[in-house]
Amino acid sequence: MEQTEDGVHPVELSVYSLISTDLDGINQSVTELRESQAILILKLRHIRESLKREHAMMYEAEDLKAANLKLESLKRRISTLEKRFKAALNDATALDKKI
């Protein structure tokens, strides 16, 4: 069998040259796949963070809803107390005029 100076047989060299282009293509595909996965991971992280913020805002809105209901109740009570105070003040003024 004949060998080249490097100790590689010509048939081996031919097989390598045929397979190497396929291996280069596979290597390129794997590299592109890894890049694609990295981009997808970044997008998923962004979506997850966005969902976390939205979720936090929803719970914050729920908390604010309860606070708003309490404020409305307090406003009604203050309005009722104000009416009673004005009525009592009017009664006191009327009594002062009679005396």
PDB file of N, CA and C in Angstrom:
ATOM      1  N   MET A   1       0.819  -1.170   0.000  1.00  0.00           N
ATOM      2  CA  MET A   1       0.000   0.000   0.000  1.00  0.00           C
ATOM      3  C   MET A   1       0.869   1.241   0.000  1.00  0.00           C
ATOM      4  N   GLU A   2       0.373   2.180  -0.739  1.00  0.00           N
ATOM      5  CA  GLU A   2       1.102   3.410  -0.899  1.00  0.00           C
ATOM      6  C   GLU A   2       0.640   4.430   0.145  1.00  0.00           C
ATOM      7  N   GLN A   3       1.525   5.200   0.702  1.00  0.00           N
ATOM      8  CA  GLN A   3       1.175   6.203   1.688  1.00  0.00           C
ATOM      9  C   GLN A   3       1.850   7.510   1.308  1.00  0.00           C
ATOM     10  N   THR A   4       1.276   8.610   1.761  1.00  0.00           N
ATOM     11  CA  THR A   4       1.862   9.912   1.484  1.00  0.00           C
ATOM     12  C   THR A   4       2.971  10.173   2.477  1.00  0.00           C
ATOM     13  N   GLU A   5       3.597  11.332   2.371  1.00  0.00           N
ATOM     14  CA  GLU A   5       4.690  11.678   3.272  1.00  0.00           C
ATOM     15  C   GLU A   5       4.226  11.737   4.722  1.00  0.00           C
ATOM     16  N   ASP A   6       2.968  12.104   4.950  1.00  0.00           N
ATOM     17  CA  ASP A   6       2.430  12.233   6.301  1.00  0.00           C
ATOM     18  C   ASP A   6       2.034  10.874   6.878  1.00  0.00           C
ATOM     19  N   GLY A   7       2.108   9.850   6.107  1.00  0.00           N
ATOM     20  CA  GLY A   7       1.738   8.526   6.577  1.00  0.00           C
ATOM     21  C   GLY A   7       0.253   8.258   6.415  1.00  0.00           C
ATOM     22  N   VAL A   8      -0.406   9.015   5.521  1.00  0.00           N
ATOM     23  CA  VAL A   8      -1.836   8.839   5.311  1.00  0.00           C
ATOM     24  C   VAL A   8      -2.036   8.174   3.959  1.00  0.00           C
ATOM     25  N   HIS A   9      -2.854   7.160   3.939  1.00  0.00           N
ATOM     26  CA  HIS A   9      -3.136   6.421   2.711  1.00  0.00           C
ATOM     27  C   HIS A   9      -4.009   7.279   1.805  1.00  0.00           C
ATOM     28  N   PRO A  10      -3.833   7.232   0.484  1.00  0.00           N
ATOM     29  CA  PRO A  10      -4.635   8.043  -0.441  1.00  0.00           C
ATOM     30  C   PRO A  10      -6.141   7.793  -0.316  1.00  0.00           C
ATOM     31  N   VAL A  11      -6.519   6.546  -0.067  1.00  0.00           N
ATOM     32  CA  VAL A  11      -7.951   6.251   0.093  1.00  0.00           C
ATOM     33  C   VAL A  11      -8.475   6.949   1.351  1.00  0.00           C
ATOM     34  N   GLU A  12      -7.687   6.916   2.401  1.00  0.00           N
ATOM     35  CA  GLU A  12      -8.046   7.590   3.654  1.00  0.00           C
ATOM     36  C   GLU A  12      -8.218   9.082   3.406  1.00  0.00           C
ATOM     37  N   LEU A  13      -7.304   9.616   2.628  1.00  0.00           N
ATOM     38  CA  LEU A  13      -7.351  11.036   2.309  1.00  0.00           C
ATOM     39  C   LEU A  13      -8.605  11.370   1.504  1.00  0.00           C
ATOM     40  N   SER A  14      -8.966  10.500   0.567  1.00  0.00           N
ATOM     41  CA  SER A  14     -10.173  10.707  -0.255  1.00  0.00           C
ATOM     42  C   SER A  14     -11.432  10.649   0.609  1.00  0.00           C
ATOM     43  N   VAL A  15     -11.489   9.650   1.478  1.00  0.00           N
ATOM     44  CA  VAL A  15     -12.653   9.500   2.353  1.00  0.00           C
ATOM     45  C   VAL A  15     -12.778  10.722   3.263  1.00  0.00           C
ATOM     46  N   TYR A  16     -11.650  11.156   3.792  1.00  0.00           N
ATOM     47  CA  TYR A  16     -11.663  12.325   4.669  1.00  0.00           C
ATOM     48  C   TYR A  16     -12.169  13.560   3.923  1.00  0.00           C
ATOM     49  N   SER A  17     -11.704  13.752   2.691  1.00  0.00           N
ATOM     50  CA  SER A  17     -12.128  14.929   1.936  1.00  0.00           C
ATOM     51  C   SER A  17     -13.624  14.864   1.618  1.00  0.00           C
ATOM     52  N   LEU A  18     -14.157  13.661   1.386  1.00  0.00           N
ATOM     53  CA  LEU A  18     -15.597  13.524   1.126  1.00  0.00           C
ATOM     54  C   LEU A  18     -16.416  13.786   2.391  1.00  0.00           C
ATOM     55  N   ILE A  19     -15.953  13.268   3.504  1.00  0.00           N
ATOM     56  CA  ILE A  19     -16.694  13.381   4.755  1.00  0.00           C
ATOM     57  C   ILE A  19     -16.517  14.761   5.384  1.00  0.00           C
ATOM     58  N   SER A  20     -15.381  15.391   5.199  1.00  0.00           N
ATOM     59  CA  SER A  20     -15.103  16.651   5.886  1.00  0.00           C
ATOM     60  C   SER A  20     -16.092  17.743   5.507  1.00  0.00           C
ATOM     61  N   THR A  21     -16.539  17.762   4.239  1.00  0.00           N
ATOM     62  CA  THR A  21     -17.518  18.785   3.866  1.00  0.00           C
ATOM     63  C   THR A  21     -18.832  18.546   4.601  1.00  0.00           C
ATOM     64  N   ASP A  22     -19.230  17.280   4.745  1.00  0.00           N
ATOM     65  CA  ASP A  22     -20.436  16.961   5.506  1.00  0.00           C
ATOM     66  C   ASP A  22     -20.252  17.335   6.977  1.00  0.00           C
ATOM     67  N   LEU A  23     -19.066  17.056   7.512  1.00  0.00           N
ATOM     68  CA  LEU A  23     -18.798  17.387   8.916  1.00  0.00           C
ATOM     69  C   LEU A  23     -18.799  18.896   9.128  1.00  0.00           C
ATOM     70  N   ASP A  24     -18.264  19.634   8.166  1.00  0.00           N
ATOM     71  CA  ASP A  24     -18.285  21.090   8.265  1.00  0.00           C
ATOM     72  C   ASP A  24     -19.726  21.603   8.259  1.00  0.00           C
ATOM     73  N   GLY A  25     -20.552  20.996   7.410  1.00  0.00           N
ATOM     74  CA  GLY A  25     -21.969  21.383   7.357  1.00  0.00           C
ATOM     75  C   GLY A  25     -22.678  21.074   8.662  1.00  0.00           C
ATOM     76  N   ILE A  26     -22.392  19.898   9.204  1.00  0.00           N
ATOM     77  CA  ILE A  26     -22.994  19.516  10.481  1.00  0.00           C
ATOM     78  C   ILE A  26     -22.524  20.466  11.583  1.00  0.00           C
ATOM     79  N   ASN A  27     -21.232  20.761  11.582  1.00  0.00           N
ATOM     80  CA  ASN A  27     -20.687  21.683  12.575  1.00  0.00           C
ATOM     81  C   ASN A  27     -21.348  23.058  12.460  1.00  0.00           C
ATOM     82  N   GLN A  28     -21.531  23.530  11.246  1.00  0.00           N
ATOM     83  CA  GLN A  28     -22.199  24.818  11.019  1.00  0.00           C
ATOM     84  C   GLN A  28     -23.642  24.764  11.513  1.00  0.00           C
ATOM     85  N   SER A  29     -24.333  23.670  11.252  1.00  0.00           N
ATOM     86  CA  SER A  29     -25.720  23.522  11.709  1.00  0.00           C
ATOM     87  C   SER A  29     -25.808  23.520  13.226  1.00  0.00           C
ATOM     88  N   VAL A  30     -24.870  22.828  13.869  1.00  0.00           N
ATOM     89  CA  VAL A  30     -24.854  22.788  15.332  1.00  0.00           C
ATOM     90  C   VAL A  30     -24.582  24.179  15.892  1.00  0.00           C
ATOM     91  N   THR A  31     -23.669  24.907  15.278  1.00  0.00           N
ATOM     92  CA  THR A  31     -23.367  26.269  15.717  1.00  0.00           C
ATOM     93  C   THR A  31     -24.589  27.165  15.578  1.00  0.00           C
ATOM     94  N   GLU A  32     -25.273  27.077  14.449  1.00  0.00           N
ATOM     95  CA  GLU A  32     -26.480  27.868  14.234  1.00  0.00           C
ATOM     96  C   GLU A  32     -27.566  27.485  15.236  1.00  0.00           C
ATOM     97  N   LEU A  33     -27.678  26.201  15.537  1.00  0.00           N
ATOM     98  CA  LEU A  33     -28.652  25.730  16.517  1.00  0.00           C
ATOM     99  C   LEU A  33     -28.359  26.318  17.896  1.00  0.00           C
ATOM    100  N   ARG A  34     -27.098  26.329  18.276  1.00  0.00           N
ATOM    101  CA  ARG A  34     -26.722  26.903  19.577  1.00  0.00           C
ATOM    102  C   ARG A  34     -27.035  28.392  19.628  1.00  0.00           C
ATOM    103  N   GLU A  35     -26.747  29.096  18.537  1.00  0.00           N
ATOM    104  CA  GLU A  35     -27.062  30.519  18.490  1.00  0.00           C
ATOM    105  C   GLU A  35     -28.570  30.739  18.593  1.00  0.00           C
ATOM    106  N   SER A  36     -29.324  29.910  17.885  1.00  0.00           N
ATOM    107  CA  SER A  36     -30.779  29.992  17.923  1.00  0.00           C
ATOM    108  C   SER A  36     -31.298  29.715  19.331  1.00  0.00           C
ATOM    109  N   GLN A  37     -30.739  28.720  19.993  1.00  0.00           N
ATOM    110  CA  GLN A  37     -31.144  28.403  21.363  1.00  0.00           C
ATOM    111  C   GLN A  37     -30.835  29.563  22.299  1.00  0.00           C
ATOM    112  N   ALA A  38     -29.696  30.192  22.111  1.00  0.00           N
ATOM    113  CA  ALA A  38     -29.332  31.335  22.958  1.00  0.00           C
ATOM    114  C   ALA A  38     -30.324  32.478  22.781  1.00  0.00           C
ATOM    115  N   ILE A  39     -30.703  32.741  21.550  1.00  0.00           N
ATOM    116  CA  ILE A  39     -31.684  33.801  21.278  1.00  0.00           C
ATOM    117  C   ILE A  39     -33.025  33.445  21.893  1.00  0.00           C
ATOM    118  N   LEU A  40     -33.439  32.189  21.740  1.00  0.00           N
ATOM    119  CA  LEU A  40     -34.714  31.756  22.326  1.00  0.00           C
ATOM    120  C   LEU A  40     -34.696  31.857  23.850  1.00  0.00           C
ATOM    121  N   ILE A  41     -33.592  31.505  24.459  1.00  0.00           N
ATOM    122  CA  ILE A  41     -33.473  31.601  25.917  1.00  0.00           C
ATOM    123  C   ILE A  41     -33.609  33.058  26.357  1.00  0.00           C
ATOM    124  N   LEU A  42     -32.958  33.960  25.633  1.00  0.00           N
ATOM    125  CA  LEU A  42     -33.059  35.386  25.965  1.00  0.00           C
ATOM    126  C   LEU A  42     -34.489  35.888  25.823  1.00  0.00           C
ATOM    127  N   LYS A  43     -35.165  35.458  24.747  1.00  0.00           N
ATOM    128  CA  LYS A  43     -36.558  35.874  24.544  1.00  0.00           C
ATOM    129  C   LYS A  43     -37.457  35.303  25.637  1.00  0.00           C
ATOM    130  N   LEU A  44     -37.240  34.051  26.000  1.00  0.00           N
ATOM    131  CA  LEU A  44     -38.039  33.441  27.063  1.00  0.00           C
ATOM    132  C   LEU A  44     -37.823  34.140  28.398  1.00  0.00           C
ATOM    133  N   ARG A  45     -36.592  34.521  28.681  1.00  0.00           N
ATOM    134  CA  ARG A  45     -36.321  35.262  29.915  1.00  0.00           C
ATOM    135  C   ARG A  45     -37.043  36.596  29.918  1.00  0.00           C
ATOM    136  N   HIS A  46     -37.024  37.259  28.766  1.00  0.00           N
ATOM    137  CA  HIS A  46     -37.707  38.546  28.647  1.00  0.00           C
ATOM    138  C   HIS A  46     -39.214  38.366  28.865  1.00  0.00           C
ATOM    139  N   ILE A  47     -39.795  37.350  28.261  1.00  0.00           N
ATOM    140  CA  ILE A  47     -41.224  37.074  28.414  1.00  0.00           C
ATOM    141  C   ILE A  47     -41.543  36.738  29.865  1.00  0.00           C
ATOM    142  N   ARG A  48     -40.690  35.937  30.507  1.00  0.00           N
ATOM    143  CA  ARG A  48     -40.911  35.555  31.902  1.00  0.00           C
ATOM    144  C   ARG A  48     -40.887  36.786  32.800  1.00  0.00           C
ATOM    145  N   GLU A  49     -39.918  37.675  32.582  1.00  0.00           N
ATOM    146  CA  GLU A  49     -39.841  38.896  33.382  1.00  0.00           C
ATOM    147  C   GLU A  49     -41.063  39.779  33.158  1.00  0.00           C
ATOM    148  N   SER A  50     -41.501  39.847  31.905  1.00  0.00           N
ATOM    149  CA  SER A  50     -42.691  40.634  31.590  1.00  0.00           C
ATOM    150  C   SER A  50     -43.917  40.067  32.298  1.00  0.00           C
ATOM    151  N   LEU A  51     -44.052  38.746  32.295  1.00  0.00           N
ATOM    152  CA  LEU A  51     -45.171  38.108  32.980  1.00  0.00           C
ATOM    153  C   LEU A  51     -45.101  38.314  34.489  1.00  0.00           C
ATOM    154  N   LYS A  52     -43.890  38.287  35.040  1.00  0.00           N
ATOM    155  CA  LYS A  52     -43.733  38.532  36.481  1.00  0.00           C
ATOM    156  C   LYS A  52     -44.192  39.945  36.825  1.00  0.00           C
ATOM    157  N   ARG A  53     -43.786  40.927  36.001  1.00  0.00           N
ATOM    158  CA  ARG A  53     -44.198  42.310  36.250  1.00  0.00           C
ATOM    159  C   ARG A  53     -45.713  42.450  36.149  1.00  0.00           C
ATOM    160  N   GLU A  54     -46.290  41.824  35.120  1.00  0.00           N
ATOM    161  CA  GLU A  54     -47.742  41.892  34.937  1.00  0.00           C
ATOM    162  C   GLU A  54     -48.461  41.245  36.118  1.00  0.00           C
ATOM    163  N   HIS A  55     -47.945  40.115  36.572  1.00  0.00           N
ATOM    164  CA  HIS A  55     -48.534  39.408  37.705  1.00  0.00           C
ATOM    165  C   HIS A  55     -48.469  40.275  38.959  1.00  0.00           C
ATOM    166  N   ALA A  56     -47.343  40.910  39.172  1.00  0.00           N
ATOM    167  CA  ALA A  56     -47.186  41.783  40.334  1.00  0.00           C
ATOM    168  C   ALA A  56     -48.149  42.965  40.246  1.00  0.00           C
ATOM    169  N   MET A  57     -48.317  43.512  39.048  1.00  0.00           N
ATOM    170  CA  MET A  57     -49.235  44.630  38.875  1.00  0.00           C
ATOM    171  C   MET A  57     -50.674  44.206  39.129  1.00  0.00           C
ATOM    172  N   MET A  58     -51.025  42.978  38.733  1.00  0.00           N
ATOM    173  CA  MET A  58     -52.381  42.489  38.969  1.00  0.00           C
ATOM    174  C   MET A  58     -52.656  42.379  40.455  1.00  0.00           C
ATOM    175  N   TYR A  59     -51.698  41.820  41.202  1.00  0.00           N
ATOM    176  CA  TYR A  59     -51.900  41.704  42.639  1.00  0.00           C
ATOM    177  C   TYR A  59     -51.901  43.077  43.295  1.00  0.00           C
ATOM    178  N   GLU A  60     -51.098  43.979  42.776  1.00  0.00           N
ATOM    179  CA  GLU A  60     -51.083  45.342  43.300  1.00  0.00           C
ATOM    180  C   GLU A  60     -52.432  45.991  43.043  1.00  0.00           C
ATOM    181  N   ALA A  61     -53.005  45.739  41.868  1.00  0.00           N
ATOM    182  CA  ALA A  61     -54.316  46.293  41.540  1.00  0.00           C
ATOM    183  C   ALA A  61     -55.379  45.715  42.471  1.00  0.00           C
ATOM    184  N   GLU A  62     -55.261  44.428  42.798  1.00  0.00           N
ATOM    185  CA  GLU A  62     -56.204  43.810  43.740  1.00  0.00           C
ATOM    186  C   GLU A  62     -56.106  44.503  45.090  1.00  0.00           C
ATOM    187  N   ASP A  63     -54.878  44.765  45.541  1.00  0.00           N
ATOM    188  CA  ASP A  63     -54.683  45.451  46.809  1.00  0.00           C
ATOM    189  C   ASP A  63     -55.253  46.865  46.745  1.00  0.00           C
ATOM    190  N   LEU A  64     -55.040  47.531  45.628  1.00  0.00           N
ATOM    191  CA  LEU A  64     -55.566  48.881  45.464  1.00  0.00           C
ATOM    192  C   LEU A  64     -57.083  48.871  45.400  1.00  0.00           C
ATOM    193  N   LYS A  65     -57.660  47.827  44.842  1.00  0.00           N
ATOM    194  CA  LYS A  65     -59.109  47.729  44.750  1.00  0.00           C
ATOM    195  C   LYS A  65     -59.710  47.700  46.154  1.00  0.00           C
ATOM    196  N   ALA A  66     -59.120  46.920  47.042  1.00  0.00           N
ATOM    197  CA  ALA A  66     -59.605  46.850  48.415  1.00  0.00           C
ATOM    198  C   ALA A  66     -59.448  48.204  49.098  1.00  0.00           C
ATOM    199  N   ALA A  67     -58.316  48.860  48.872  1.00  0.00           N
ATOM    200  CA  ALA A  67     -58.089  50.181  49.463  1.00  0.00           C
ATOM    201  C   ALA A  67     -59.082  51.197  48.915  1.00  0.00           C
ATOM    202  N   ASN A  68     -59.386  51.129  47.625  1.00  0.00           N
ATOM    203  CA  ASN A  68     -60.353  52.054  47.022  1.00  0.00           C
ATOM    204  C   ASN A  68     -61.744  51.846  47.601  1.00  0.00           C
ATOM    205  N   LEU A  69     -62.121  50.590  47.814  1.00  0.00           N
ATOM    206  CA  LEU A  69     -63.426  50.307  48.420  1.00  0.00           C
ATOM    207  C   LEU A  69     -63.503  50.886  49.829  1.00  0.00           C
ATOM    208  N   LYS A  70     -62.426  50.733  50.572  1.00  0.00           N
ATOM    209  CA  LYS A  70     -62.387  51.280  51.928  1.00  0.00           C
ATOM    210  C   LYS A  70     -62.473  52.805  51.897  1.00  0.00           C
ATOM    211  N   LEU A  71     -61.774  53.432  50.953  1.00  0.00           N
ATOM    212  CA  LEU A  71     -61.832  54.892  50.813  1.00  0.00           C
ATOM    213  C   LEU A  71     -63.245  55.364  50.474  1.00  0.00           C
ATOM    214  N   GLU A  72     -63.909  54.652  49.581  1.00  0.00           N
ATOM    215  CA  GLU A  72     -65.282  55.023  49.223  1.00  0.00           C
ATOM    216  C   GLU A  72     -66.194  54.925  50.438  1.00  0.00           C
ATOM    217  N   SER A  73     -66.018  53.877  51.226  1.00  0.00           N
ATOM    218  CA  SER A  73     -66.805  53.718  52.442  1.00  0.00           C
ATOM    219  C   SER A  73     -66.540  54.862  53.415  1.00  0.00           C
ATOM    220  N   LEU A  74     -65.276  55.224  53.574  1.00  0.00           N
ATOM    221  CA  LEU A  74     -64.923  56.333  54.454  1.00  0.00           C
ATOM    222  C   LEU A  74     -65.492  57.660  53.946  1.00  0.00           C
ATOM    223  N   LYS A  75     -65.484  57.858  52.638  1.00  0.00           N
ATOM    224  CA  LYS A  75     -66.057  59.081  52.067  1.00  0.00           C
ATOM    225  C   LYS A  75     -67.546  59.182  52.378  1.00  0.00           C
ATOM    226  N   ARG A  76     -68.251  58.048  52.251  1.00  0.00           N
ATOM    227  CA  ARG A  76     -69.681  58.047  52.557  1.00  0.00           C
ATOM    228  C   ARG A  76     -69.914  58.369  54.034  1.00  0.00           C
ATOM    229  N   ARG A  77     -69.094  57.770  54.909  1.00  0.00           N
ATOM    230  CA  ARG A  77     -69.235  58.035  56.346  1.00  0.00           C
ATOM    231  C   ARG A  77     -68.951  59.496  56.672  1.00  0.00           C
ATOM    232  N   ILE A  78     -67.919  60.059  56.040  1.00  0.00           N
ATOM    233  CA  ILE A  78     -67.582  61.470  56.266  1.00  0.00           C
ATOM    234  C   ILE A  78     -68.713  62.359  55.779  1.00  0.00           C
ATOM    235  N   SER A  79     -69.276  62.018  54.628  1.00  0.00           N
ATOM    236  CA  SER A  79     -70.375  62.806  54.088  1.00  0.00           C
ATOM    237  C   SER A  79     -71.564  62.775  55.049  1.00  0.00           C
ATOM    238  N   THR A  80     -71.885  61.604  55.581  1.00  0.00           N
ATOM    239  CA  THR A  80     -72.985  61.470  56.545  1.00  0.00           C
ATOM    240  C   THR A  80     -72.685  62.281  57.809  1.00  0.00           C
ATOM    241  N   LEU A  81     -71.455  62.186  58.305  1.00  0.00           N
ATOM    242  CA  LEU A  81     -71.078  62.952  59.498  1.00  0.00           C
ATOM    243  C   LEU A  81     -71.131  64.452  59.241  1.00  0.00           C
ATOM    244  N   GLU A  82     -70.743  64.867  58.059  1.00  0.00           N
ATOM    245  CA  GLU A  82     -70.785  66.284  57.711  1.00  0.00           C
ATOM    246  C   GLU A  82     -72.228  66.797  57.705  1.00  0.00           C
ATOM    247  N   LYS A  83     -73.132  65.999  57.149  1.00  0.00           N
ATOM    248  CA  LYS A  83     -74.550  66.387  57.137  1.00  0.00           C
ATOM    249  C   LYS A  83     -75.086  66.498  58.556  1.00  0.00           C
ATOM    250  N   ARG A  84     -74.727  65.517  59.404  1.00  0.00           N
ATOM    251  CA  ARG A  84     -75.183  65.555  60.805  1.00  0.00           C
ATOM    252  C   ARG A  84     -74.608  66.781  61.523  1.00  0.00           C
ATOM    253  N   PHE A  85     -73.341  67.074  61.262  1.00  0.00           N
ATOM    254  CA  PHE A  85     -72.703  68.229  61.895  1.00  0.00           C
ATOM    255  C   PHE A  85     -73.397  69.524  61.470  1.00  0.00           C
ATOM    256  N   LYS A  86     -73.690  69.650  60.174  1.00  0.00           N
ATOM    257  CA  LYS A  86     -74.363  70.862  59.684  1.00  0.00           C
ATOM    258  C   LYS A  86     -75.757  70.987  60.291  1.00  0.00           C
ATOM    259  N   ALA A  87     -76.442  69.853  60.406  1.00  0.00           N
ATOM    260  CA  ALA A  87     -77.775  69.885  61.014  1.00  0.00           C
ATOM    261  C   ALA A  87     -77.675  70.306  62.481  1.00  0.00           C
ATOM    262  N   ALA A  88     -76.703  69.749  63.208  1.00  0.00           N
ATOM    263  CA  ALA A  88     -76.517  70.111  64.614  1.00  0.00           C
ATOM    264  C   ALA A  88     -76.126  71.580  64.739  1.00  0.00           C
ATOM    265  N   LEU A  89     -75.291  72.068  63.838  1.00  0.00           N
ATOM    266  CA  LEU A  89     -74.883  73.467  63.856  1.00  0.00           C
ATOM    267  C   LEU A  89     -76.073  74.386  63.599  1.00  0.00           C
ATOM    268  N   ASN A  90     -76.924  74.002  62.635  1.00  0.00           N
ATOM    269  CA  ASN A  90     -78.121  74.781  62.344  1.00  0.00           C
ATOM    270  C   ASN A  90     -79.055  74.806  63.548  1.00  0.00           C
ATOM    271  N   ASP A  91     -79.198  73.622  64.205  1.00  0.00           N
ATOM    272  CA  ASP A  91     -80.049  73.566  65.401  1.00  0.00           C
ATOM    273  C   ASP A  91     -79.481  74.459  66.501  1.00  0.00           C
ATOM    274  N   ALA A  92     -78.156  74.421  66.680  1.00  0.00           N
ATOM    275  CA  ALA A  92     -77.519  75.248  67.705  1.00  0.00           C
ATOM    276  C   ALA A  92     -77.691  76.725  67.387  1.00  0.00           C
ATOM    277  N   THR A  93     -77.580  77.089  66.135  1.00  0.00           N
ATOM    278  CA  THR A  93     -77.751  78.486  65.716  1.00  0.00           C
ATOM    279  C   THR A  93     -79.188  78.919  65.962  1.00  0.00           C
ATOM    280  N   ALA A  94     -80.136  78.041  65.647  1.00  0.00           N
ATOM    281  CA  ALA A  94     -81.560  78.360  65.861  1.00  0.00           C
ATOM    282  C   ALA A  94     -81.829  78.527  67.350  1.00  0.00           C
ATOM    283  N   LEU A  95     -81.226  77.716  68.212  1.00  0.00           N
ATOM    284  CA  LEU A  95     -81.411  77.834  69.642  1.00  0.00           C
ATOM    285  C   LEU A  95     -80.815  79.133  70.171  1.00  0.00           C
ATOM    286  N   ASP A  96     -79.662  79.521  69.623  1.00  0.00           N
ATOM    287  CA  ASP A  96     -79.029  80.761  70.027  1.00  0.00           C
ATOM    288  C   ASP A  96     -79.919  81.957  69.695  1.00  0.00           C
ATOM    289  N   LYS A  97     -80.591  81.877  68.558  1.00  0.00           N
ATOM    290  CA  LYS A  97     -81.458  82.989  68.139  1.00  0.00           C
ATOM    291  C   LYS A  97     -82.678  83.089  69.062  1.00  0.00           C
ATOM    292  N   LYS A  98     -83.157  81.948  69.566  1.00  0.00           N
ATOM    293  CA  LYS A  98     -84.331  81.954  70.432  1.00  0.00           C
ATOM    294  C   LYS A  98     -83.991  82.503  71.820  1.00  0.00           C
ATOM    295  N   ILE A  99     -82.781  82.324  72.225  1.00  0.00           N
ATOM    296  CA  ILE A  99     -82.382  82.763  73.570  1.00  0.00           C
ATOM    297  C   ILE A  99     -82.061  84.208  73.589  1.00  0.00           C
TER     298      ILE A  99
END
